[in-house]
Amino acid sequence: MQQYNILSEEQRLNRLSEMGDPLEKVSGAVDWEIFRPLLKKALHHKSTGRGGRPPFDSVMMFKIVMLQKWYHIADDMTEYVINDRLSFQRFLGLSLEDKVPDAKTIWLFKEKLKETEADMELFTLFSDLMEKQGVITRAGSIVDASFVDVPRQRNSRRENEEIRNGHIPEEWTDRKQEQKDTDARWAKKNNELHFGYKDHVKVDRESKMIVCFTVSAANVHDSQCLQELLDSS
């Protein structure tokens, strides 16, 4: 077996740079440290004492979330893809010896941002930065929608009827409610059934970056969210 040469990694990265690695260009255009104050505020927690693994760097975790959005990567695949791609590792500031966050860690990070509503603040800050640098031109927009499927619920017909009417079945315990998704809905398009939600986005025509978005249940027609996207700045 051929011995690993540390110079091989550097040579491969240099080749990626020569080929125009888009993530390297993003790294050169964005000062990621401007996001740290917002992340620190959103993720602030009291120390639980000594012991335990130290948390991953918050800016690096935020960059992972951005990679997921740009490349449409699910939580379960993210760890594998980062380990697999040198361009991703360089973008995140990781070496081959560094540990990569797993799916649960990434999910918990995003949930924390959502709970504190920091996700929207971070999105707005990033969009404003791209606009100031002329990446987002707002010379035109593209509006689109896509289904986001979630695990299908094994409810009885009566339970589903109650949920559609805006009620939670009385026999459901708090623990069971935590395991149920009562906001997802069914939809059919092109003879395909979907259960979950729908992402509605407005994309800058030139940069192809998302400038506004909203989420609805899968059964909501695209037209019902169109005005909200068009009215956004």
C-alpha atoms as a PDB file:
ATOM      1  CA  MET A   1       0.000   0.000   0.000  1.00  0.00           C
ATOM      2  CA  GLN A   2       1.379   3.393  -0.992  1.00  0.00           C
ATOM      3  CA  GLN A   3       2.345   5.568   1.977  1.00  0.00           C
ATOM      4  CA  TYR A   4       0.343   8.763   2.419  1.00  0.00           C
ATOM      5  CA  ASN A   5       2.313  11.915   1.591  1.00  0.00           C
ATOM      6  CA  ILE A   6       1.192  15.155   3.260  1.00  0.00           C
ATOM      7  CA  LEU A   7       2.268  16.988   0.102  1.00  0.00           C
ATOM      8  CA  SER A   8      -0.305  15.021  -1.890  1.00  0.00           C
ATOM      9  CA  GLU A   9      -3.143  16.837  -0.097  1.00  0.00           C
ATOM     10  CA  GLU A  10      -1.573  20.202  -0.839  1.00  0.00           C
ATOM     11  CA  GLN A  11      -1.041  19.296  -4.478  1.00  0.00           C
ATOM     12  CA  ARG A  12      -4.670  18.188  -4.829  1.00  0.00           C
ATOM     13  CA  LEU A  13      -5.925  21.416  -3.248  1.00  0.00           C
ATOM     14  CA  ASN A  14      -3.697  23.480  -5.528  1.00  0.00           C
ATOM     15  CA  ARG A  15      -5.212  21.669  -8.486  1.00  0.00           C
ATOM     16  CA  LEU A  16      -8.713  22.435  -7.225  1.00  0.00           C
ATOM     17  CA  SER A  17      -7.730  26.105  -7.001  1.00  0.00           C
ATOM     18  CA  GLU A  18      -6.450  26.054 -10.581  1.00  0.00           C
ATOM     19  CA  MET A  19      -9.784  24.574 -11.685  1.00  0.00           C
ATOM     20  CA  GLY A  20     -11.672  27.419  -9.996  1.00  0.00           C
ATOM     21  CA  ASP A  21     -12.942  25.982  -6.711  1.00  0.00           C
ATOM     22  CA  PRO A  22     -16.131  28.043  -6.078  1.00  0.00           C
ATOM     23  CA  LEU A  23     -15.911  27.536  -2.313  1.00  0.00           C
ATOM     24  CA  GLU A  24     -12.445  29.073  -2.261  1.00  0.00           C
ATOM     25  CA  LYS A  25     -13.875  32.108  -4.028  1.00  0.00           C
ATOM     26  CA  VAL A  26     -16.654  32.371  -1.444  1.00  0.00           C
ATOM     27  CA  SER A  27     -14.100  32.146   1.381  1.00  0.00           C
ATOM     28  CA  GLY A  28     -12.178  35.023  -0.168  1.00  0.00           C
ATOM     29  CA  ALA A  29     -15.300  37.166  -0.522  1.00  0.00           C
ATOM     30  CA  VAL A  30     -16.886  36.623   2.898  1.00  0.00           C
ATOM     31  CA  ASP A  31     -15.563  37.621   6.316  1.00  0.00           C
ATOM     32  CA  TRP A  32     -17.210  34.798   8.257  1.00  0.00           C
ATOM     33  CA  GLU A  33     -16.261  36.321  11.609  1.00  0.00           C
ATOM     34  CA  ILE A  34     -19.015  38.925  11.260  1.00  0.00           C
ATOM     35  CA  PHE A  35     -21.477  36.124  12.010  1.00  0.00           C
ATOM     36  CA  ARG A  36     -19.825  35.130  15.293  1.00  0.00           C
ATOM     37  CA  PRO A  37     -21.576  37.712  17.544  1.00  0.00           C
ATOM     38  CA  LEU A  38     -25.024  36.552  16.379  1.00  0.00           C
ATOM     39  CA  LEU A  39     -24.036  32.905  16.742  1.00  0.00           C
ATOM     40  CA  LYS A  40     -22.608  33.487  20.205  1.00  0.00           C
ATOM     41  CA  LYS A  41     -25.816  35.173  21.327  1.00  0.00           C
ATOM     42  CA  ALA A  42     -28.019  32.416  19.891  1.00  0.00           C
ATOM     43  CA  LEU A  43     -25.957  29.541  21.253  1.00  0.00           C
ATOM     44  CA  HIS A  44     -25.150  30.981  24.663  1.00  0.00           C
ATOM     45  CA  HIS A  45     -25.578  28.434  27.439  1.00  0.00           C
ATOM     46  CA  LYS A  46     -24.387  28.056  30.989  1.00  0.00           C
ATOM     47  CA  SER A  47     -21.538  25.694  31.677  1.00  0.00           C
ATOM     48  CA  THR A  48     -22.601  22.345  33.067  1.00  0.00           C
ATOM     49  CA  GLY A  49     -19.219  21.745  34.693  1.00  0.00           C
ATOM     50  CA  ARG A  50     -16.105  19.948  33.639  1.00  0.00           C
ATOM     51  CA  GLY A  51     -16.041  16.987  31.324  1.00  0.00           C
ATOM     52  CA  GLY A  52     -17.627  16.270  27.994  1.00  0.00           C
ATOM     53  CA  ARG A  53     -16.430  17.026  24.510  1.00  0.00           C
ATOM     54  CA  PRO A  54     -15.925  20.738  23.741  1.00  0.00           C
ATOM     55  CA  PRO A  55     -18.440  22.112  21.221  1.00  0.00           C
ATOM     56  CA  PHE A  56     -17.539  22.567  17.565  1.00  0.00           C
ATOM     57  CA  ASP A  57     -16.713  26.103  16.462  1.00  0.00           C
ATOM     58  CA  SER A  58     -19.975  27.949  15.811  1.00  0.00           C
ATOM     59  CA  VAL A  59     -18.778  29.691  12.648  1.00  0.00           C
ATOM     60  CA  MET A  60     -17.666  26.370  11.190  1.00  0.00           C
ATOM     61  CA  MET A  61     -21.072  24.875  12.026  1.00  0.00           C
ATOM     62  CA  PHE A  62     -22.798  27.801  10.321  1.00  0.00           C
ATOM     63  CA  LYS A  63     -20.648  27.236   7.218  1.00  0.00           C
ATOM     64  CA  ILE A  64     -21.759  23.585   7.241  1.00  0.00           C
ATOM     65  CA  VAL A  65     -25.390  24.735   7.191  1.00  0.00           C
ATOM     66  CA  MET A  66     -24.581  26.963   4.221  1.00  0.00           C
ATOM     67  CA  LEU A  67     -22.992  24.007   2.411  1.00  0.00           C
ATOM     68  CA  GLN A  68     -26.165  22.006   3.017  1.00  0.00           C
ATOM     69  CA  LYS A  69     -28.272  24.759   1.456  1.00  0.00           C
ATOM     70  CA  TRP A  70     -26.010  25.317  -1.554  1.00  0.00           C
ATOM     71  CA  TYR A  71     -25.547  21.641  -2.381  1.00  0.00           C
ATOM     72  CA  HIS A  72     -28.898  20.290  -1.083  1.00  0.00           C
ATOM     73  CA  ILE A  73     -27.313  17.856   1.388  1.00  0.00           C
ATOM     74  CA  ALA A  74     -29.403  16.182   4.096  1.00  0.00           C
ATOM     75  CA  ASP A  75     -28.122  15.913   7.663  1.00  0.00           C
ATOM     76  CA  ASP A  76     -27.551  12.162   7.371  1.00  0.00           C
ATOM     77  CA  MET A  77     -25.196  12.603   4.410  1.00  0.00           C
ATOM     78  CA  THR A  78     -23.327  15.696   5.518  1.00  0.00           C
ATOM     79  CA  GLU A  79     -20.683  13.976   7.635  1.00  0.00           C
ATOM     80  CA  TYR A  80     -19.838  11.599   4.776  1.00  0.00           C
ATOM     81  CA  VAL A  81     -19.657  14.315   2.129  1.00  0.00           C
ATOM     82  CA  ILE A  82     -17.376  16.531   4.230  1.00  0.00           C
ATOM     83  CA  ASN A  83     -15.034  13.599   4.885  1.00  0.00           C
ATOM     84  CA  ASP A  84     -15.122  12.787   1.175  1.00  0.00           C
ATOM     85  CA  ARG A  85     -14.394  16.220  -0.312  1.00  0.00           C
ATOM     86  CA  LEU A  86     -11.170  18.149   0.161  1.00  0.00           C
ATOM     87  CA  SER A  87     -12.831  21.328  -1.107  1.00  0.00           C
ATOM     88  CA  PHE A  88     -15.407  21.116   1.694  1.00  0.00           C
ATOM     89  CA  GLN A  89     -12.690  20.491   4.295  1.00  0.00           C
ATOM     90  CA  ARG A  90     -10.703  23.513   3.130  1.00  0.00           C
ATOM     91  CA  PHE A  91     -13.797  25.700   3.143  1.00  0.00           C
ATOM     92  CA  LEU A  92     -14.517  24.650   6.746  1.00  0.00           C
ATOM     93  CA  GLY A  93     -10.911  24.976   7.884  1.00  0.00           C
ATOM     94  CA  LEU A  94     -10.612  21.259   8.650  1.00  0.00           C
ATOM     95  CA  SER A  95      -7.656  18.954   8.150  1.00  0.00           C
ATOM     96  CA  LEU A  96      -7.747  15.213   7.571  1.00  0.00           C
ATOM     97  CA  GLU A  97      -7.072  14.670  11.279  1.00  0.00           C
ATOM     98  CA  ASP A  98     -10.032  16.746  12.486  1.00  0.00           C
ATOM     99  CA  LYS A  99     -13.358  15.248  13.567  1.00  0.00           C
ATOM    100  CA  VAL A 100     -16.420  16.099  11.477  1.00  0.00           C
ATOM    101  CA  PRO A 101     -19.789  16.783  13.188  1.00  0.00           C
ATOM    102  CA  ASP A 102     -22.367  14.019  12.821  1.00  0.00           C
ATOM    103  CA  ALA A 103     -25.990  14.359  11.691  1.00  0.00           C
ATOM    104  CA  LYS A 104     -27.408  14.785  15.208  1.00  0.00           C
ATOM    105  CA  THR A 105     -24.927  17.525  16.072  1.00  0.00           C
ATOM    106  CA  ILE A 106     -25.794  19.429  12.896  1.00  0.00           C
ATOM    107  CA  TRP A 107     -29.537  19.000  13.479  1.00  0.00           C
ATOM    108  CA  LEU A 108     -29.269  20.249  17.066  1.00  0.00           C
ATOM    109  CA  PHE A 109     -27.266  23.267  15.914  1.00  0.00           C
ATOM    110  CA  LYS A 110     -29.941  24.224  13.393  1.00  0.00           C
ATOM    111  CA  GLU A 111     -32.731  23.669  15.905  1.00  0.00           C
ATOM    112  CA  LYS A 112     -31.023  26.019  18.349  1.00  0.00           C
ATOM    113  CA  LEU A 113     -30.764  28.722  15.694  1.00  0.00           C
ATOM    114  CA  LYS A 114     -34.426  28.198  14.828  1.00  0.00           C
ATOM    115  CA  GLU A 115     -35.556  28.370  18.469  1.00  0.00           C
ATOM    116  CA  THR A 116     -33.833  31.726  18.989  1.00  0.00           C
ATOM    117  CA  GLU A 117     -34.860  32.965  15.512  1.00  0.00           C
ATOM    118  CA  ALA A 118     -31.186  33.611  14.793  1.00  0.00           C
ATOM    119  CA  ASP A 119     -31.474  31.687  11.510  1.00  0.00           C
ATOM    120  CA  MET A 120     -33.364  34.576   9.885  1.00  0.00           C
ATOM    121  CA  GLU A 121     -30.952  37.174  11.279  1.00  0.00           C
ATOM    122  CA  LEU A 122     -28.006  35.233   9.890  1.00  0.00           C
ATOM    123  CA  PHE A 123     -29.728  34.806   6.521  1.00  0.00           C
ATOM    124  CA  THR A 124     -30.440  38.534   6.291  1.00  0.00           C
ATOM    125  CA  LEU A 125     -26.885  39.452   7.279  1.00  0.00           C
ATOM    126  CA  PHE A 126     -25.444  37.131   4.632  1.00  0.00           C
ATOM    127  CA  SER A 127     -27.802  38.443   1.928  1.00  0.00           C
ATOM    128  CA  ASP A 128     -26.973  42.067   2.792  1.00  0.00           C
ATOM    129  CA  LEU A 129     -23.263  41.277   2.585  1.00  0.00           C
ATOM    130  CA  MET A 130     -23.647  39.651  -0.840  1.00  0.00           C
ATOM    131  CA  GLU A 131     -25.649  42.649  -2.069  1.00  0.00           C
ATOM    132  CA  LYS A 132     -23.045  45.151  -0.850  1.00  0.00           C
ATOM    133  CA  GLN A 133     -20.347  43.217  -2.680  1.00  0.00           C
ATOM    134  CA  GLY A 134     -22.402  43.192  -5.862  1.00  0.00           C
ATOM    135  CA  VAL A 135     -22.900  39.422  -5.907  1.00  0.00           C
ATOM    136  CA  ILE A 136     -26.669  39.800  -5.495  1.00  0.00           C
ATOM    137  CA  THR A 137     -27.717  42.393  -8.082  1.00  0.00           C
ATOM    138  CA  ARG A 138     -31.539  42.218  -7.844  1.00  0.00           C
ATOM    139  CA  ALA A 139     -31.648  42.794 -11.612  1.00  0.00           C
ATOM    140  CA  GLY A 140     -34.339  40.131 -11.775  1.00  0.00           C
ATOM    141  CA  SER A 141     -35.821  37.281  -9.772  1.00  0.00           C
ATOM    142  CA  ILE A 142     -36.839  33.653 -10.208  1.00  0.00           C
ATOM    143  CA  VAL A 143     -39.601  32.236  -7.999  1.00  0.00           C
ATOM    144  CA  ASP A 144     -39.802  28.506  -7.445  1.00  0.00           C
ATOM    145  CA  ALA A 145     -41.175  25.907  -5.041  1.00  0.00           C
ATOM    146  CA  SER A 146     -40.087  22.381  -4.120  1.00  0.00           C
ATOM    147  CA  PHE A 147     -41.443  19.625  -1.893  1.00  0.00           C
ATOM    148  CA  VAL A 148     -39.664  18.652   1.312  1.00  0.00           C
ATOM    149  CA  ASP A 149     -40.790  15.151   2.239  1.00  0.00           C
ATOM    150  CA  VAL A 150     -40.773  14.010   5.871  1.00  0.00           C
ATOM    151  CA  PRO A 151     -41.406  10.564   7.441  1.00  0.00           C
ATOM    152  CA  ARG A 152     -45.027   9.544   6.950  1.00  0.00           C
ATOM    153  CA  GLN A 153     -47.148   9.352  10.086  1.00  0.00           C
ATOM    154  CA  ARG A 154     -48.866   6.150  11.137  1.00  0.00           C
ATOM    155  CA  ASN A 155     -52.086   7.659  12.401  1.00  0.00           C
ATOM    156  CA  SER A 156     -55.584   6.278  12.351  1.00  0.00           C
ATOM    157  CA  ARG A 157     -58.199   7.828  10.072  1.00  0.00           C
ATOM    158  CA  ARG A 158     -59.858   9.455  13.076  1.00  0.00           C
ATOM    159  CA  GLU A 159     -56.570  10.905  14.310  1.00  0.00           C
ATOM    160  CA  ASN A 160     -55.822  12.367  10.892  1.00  0.00           C
ATOM    161  CA  GLU A 161     -59.285  13.920  10.774  1.00  0.00           C
ATOM    162  CA  GLU A 162     -58.740  15.608  14.134  1.00  0.00           C
ATOM    163  CA  ILE A 163     -55.346  16.909  13.024  1.00  0.00           C
ATOM    164  CA  ARG A 164     -56.829  18.374   9.823  1.00  0.00           C
ATOM    165  CA  ASN A 165     -59.388  20.179  11.976  1.00  0.00           C
ATOM    166  CA  GLY A 166     -56.640  21.698  14.066  1.00  0.00           C
ATOM    167  CA  HIS A 167     -56.969  19.428  17.109  1.00  0.00           C
ATOM    168  CA  ILE A 168     -54.559  17.080  18.863  1.00  0.00           C
ATOM    169  CA  PRO A 169     -56.044  13.651  19.727  1.00  0.00           C
ATOM    170  CA  GLU A 170     -56.869  13.641  23.437  1.00  0.00           C
ATOM    171  CA  GLU A 171     -55.212  10.270  24.052  1.00  0.00           C
ATOM    172  CA  TRP A 172     -51.827  11.457  22.805  1.00  0.00           C
ATOM    173  CA  THR A 173     -49.390  11.898  25.671  1.00  0.00           C
ATOM    174  CA  ASP A 174     -46.823  14.718  25.692  1.00  0.00           C
ATOM    175  CA  ARG A 175     -44.153  12.198  24.746  1.00  0.00           C
ATOM    176  CA  LYS A 176     -46.163  10.963  21.779  1.00  0.00           C
ATOM    177  CA  GLN A 177     -46.832  14.496  20.600  1.00  0.00           C
ATOM    178  CA  GLU A 178     -43.078  15.129  20.505  1.00  0.00           C
ATOM    179  CA  GLN A 179     -42.760  12.257  18.034  1.00  0.00           C
ATOM    180  CA  LYS A 180     -45.595  13.410  15.783  1.00  0.00           C
ATOM    181  CA  ASP A 181     -45.583  15.970  12.979  1.00  0.00           C
ATOM    182  CA  THR A 182     -49.010  17.600  12.953  1.00  0.00           C
ATOM    183  CA  ASP A 183     -48.170  20.387  10.487  1.00  0.00           C
ATOM    184  CA  ALA A 184     -47.109  18.273   7.507  1.00  0.00           C
ATOM    185  CA  ARG A 185     -49.737  17.606   4.836  1.00  0.00           C
ATOM    186  CA  TRP A 186     -50.304  15.411   1.774  1.00  0.00           C
ATOM    187  CA  ALA A 187     -50.049  16.688  -1.790  1.00  0.00           C
ATOM    188  CA  LYS A 188     -50.102  15.104  -5.238  1.00  0.00           C
ATOM    189  CA  LYS A 189     -48.222  16.353  -8.280  1.00  0.00           C
ATOM    190  CA  ASN A 190     -47.565  14.554 -11.557  1.00  0.00           C
ATOM    191  CA  ASN A 191     -49.088  11.393 -10.075  1.00  0.00           C
ATOM    192  CA  GLU A 192     -46.544  11.478  -7.221  1.00  0.00           C
ATOM    193  CA  LEU A 193     -47.636  11.677  -3.585  1.00  0.00           C
ATOM    194  CA  HIS A 194     -45.726  13.889  -1.159  1.00  0.00           C
ATOM    195  CA  PHE A 195     -46.094  14.202   2.602  1.00  0.00           C
ATOM    196  CA  GLY A 196     -44.429  17.121   4.290  1.00  0.00           C
ATOM    197  CA  TYR A 197     -43.796  20.726   3.399  1.00  0.00           C
ATOM    198  CA  LYS A 198     -43.007  23.003   0.502  1.00  0.00           C
ATOM    199  CA  ASP A 199     -40.125  25.470   0.206  1.00  0.00           C
ATOM    200  CA  HIS A 200     -41.048  28.648  -1.667  1.00  0.00           C
ATOM    201  CA  VAL A 201     -38.014  30.722  -2.714  1.00  0.00           C
ATOM    202  CA  LYS A 202     -37.155  33.861  -4.622  1.00  0.00           C
ATOM    203  CA  VAL A 203     -33.744  33.638  -6.273  1.00  0.00           C
ATOM    204  CA  ASP A 204     -31.587  36.460  -7.616  1.00  0.00           C
ATOM    205  CA  ARG A 205     -31.489  35.870 -11.373  1.00  0.00           C
ATOM    206  CA  GLU A 206     -27.789  36.605 -11.904  1.00  0.00           C
ATOM    207  CA  SER A 207     -26.144  35.132  -8.791  1.00  0.00           C
ATOM    208  CA  LYS A 208     -28.722  32.329  -8.320  1.00  0.00           C
ATOM    209  CA  MET A 209     -28.671  33.077  -4.580  1.00  0.00           C
ATOM    210  CA  ILE A 210     -31.847  32.891  -2.487  1.00  0.00           C
ATOM    211  CA  VAL A 211     -32.946  36.357  -1.394  1.00  0.00           C
ATOM    212  CA  CYS A 212     -36.250  35.430   0.241  1.00  0.00           C
ATOM    213  CA  PHE A 213     -38.047  32.258   1.254  1.00  0.00           C
ATOM    214  CA  THR A 214     -41.031  30.912   3.130  1.00  0.00           C
ATOM    215  CA  VAL A 215     -42.205  27.437   4.108  1.00  0.00           C
ATOM    216  CA  SER A 216     -45.720  26.034   3.934  1.00  0.00           C
ATOM    217  CA  ALA A 217     -47.460  22.692   4.247  1.00  0.00           C
ATOM    218  CA  ALA A 218     -47.170  20.577   1.090  1.00  0.00           C
ATOM    219  CA  ASN A 219     -50.839  21.086   0.153  1.00  0.00           C
ATOM    220  CA  VAL A 220     -50.571  24.888  -0.079  1.00  0.00           C
ATOM    221  CA  HIS A 221     -50.711  26.086  -3.692  1.00  0.00           C
ATOM    222  CA  ASP A 222     -47.682  28.028  -4.961  1.00  0.00           C
ATOM    223  CA  SER A 223     -49.835  31.064  -5.758  1.00  0.00           C
ATOM    224  CA  GLN A 224     -50.743  31.520  -2.083  1.00  0.00           C
ATOM    225  CA  CYS A 225     -47.113  32.324  -1.223  1.00  0.00           C
ATOM    226  CA  LEU A 226     -46.238  34.164  -4.432  1.00  0.00           C
ATOM    227  CA  GLN A 227     -47.310  37.616  -3.298  1.00  0.00           C
ATOM    228  CA  GLU A 228     -45.363  37.361  -0.062  1.00  0.00           C
ATOM    229  CA  LEU A 229     -42.184  36.584  -2.004  1.00  0.00           C
ATOM    230  CA  LEU A 230     -42.766  39.340  -4.570  1.00  0.00           C
ATOM    231  CA  ASP A 231     -43.468  41.936  -1.889  1.00  0.00           C
ATOM    232  CA  SER A 232     -40.232  41.179  -0.028  1.00  0.00           C
ATOM    233  CA  SER A 233     -37.360  43.585  -0.514  1.00  0.00           C
END
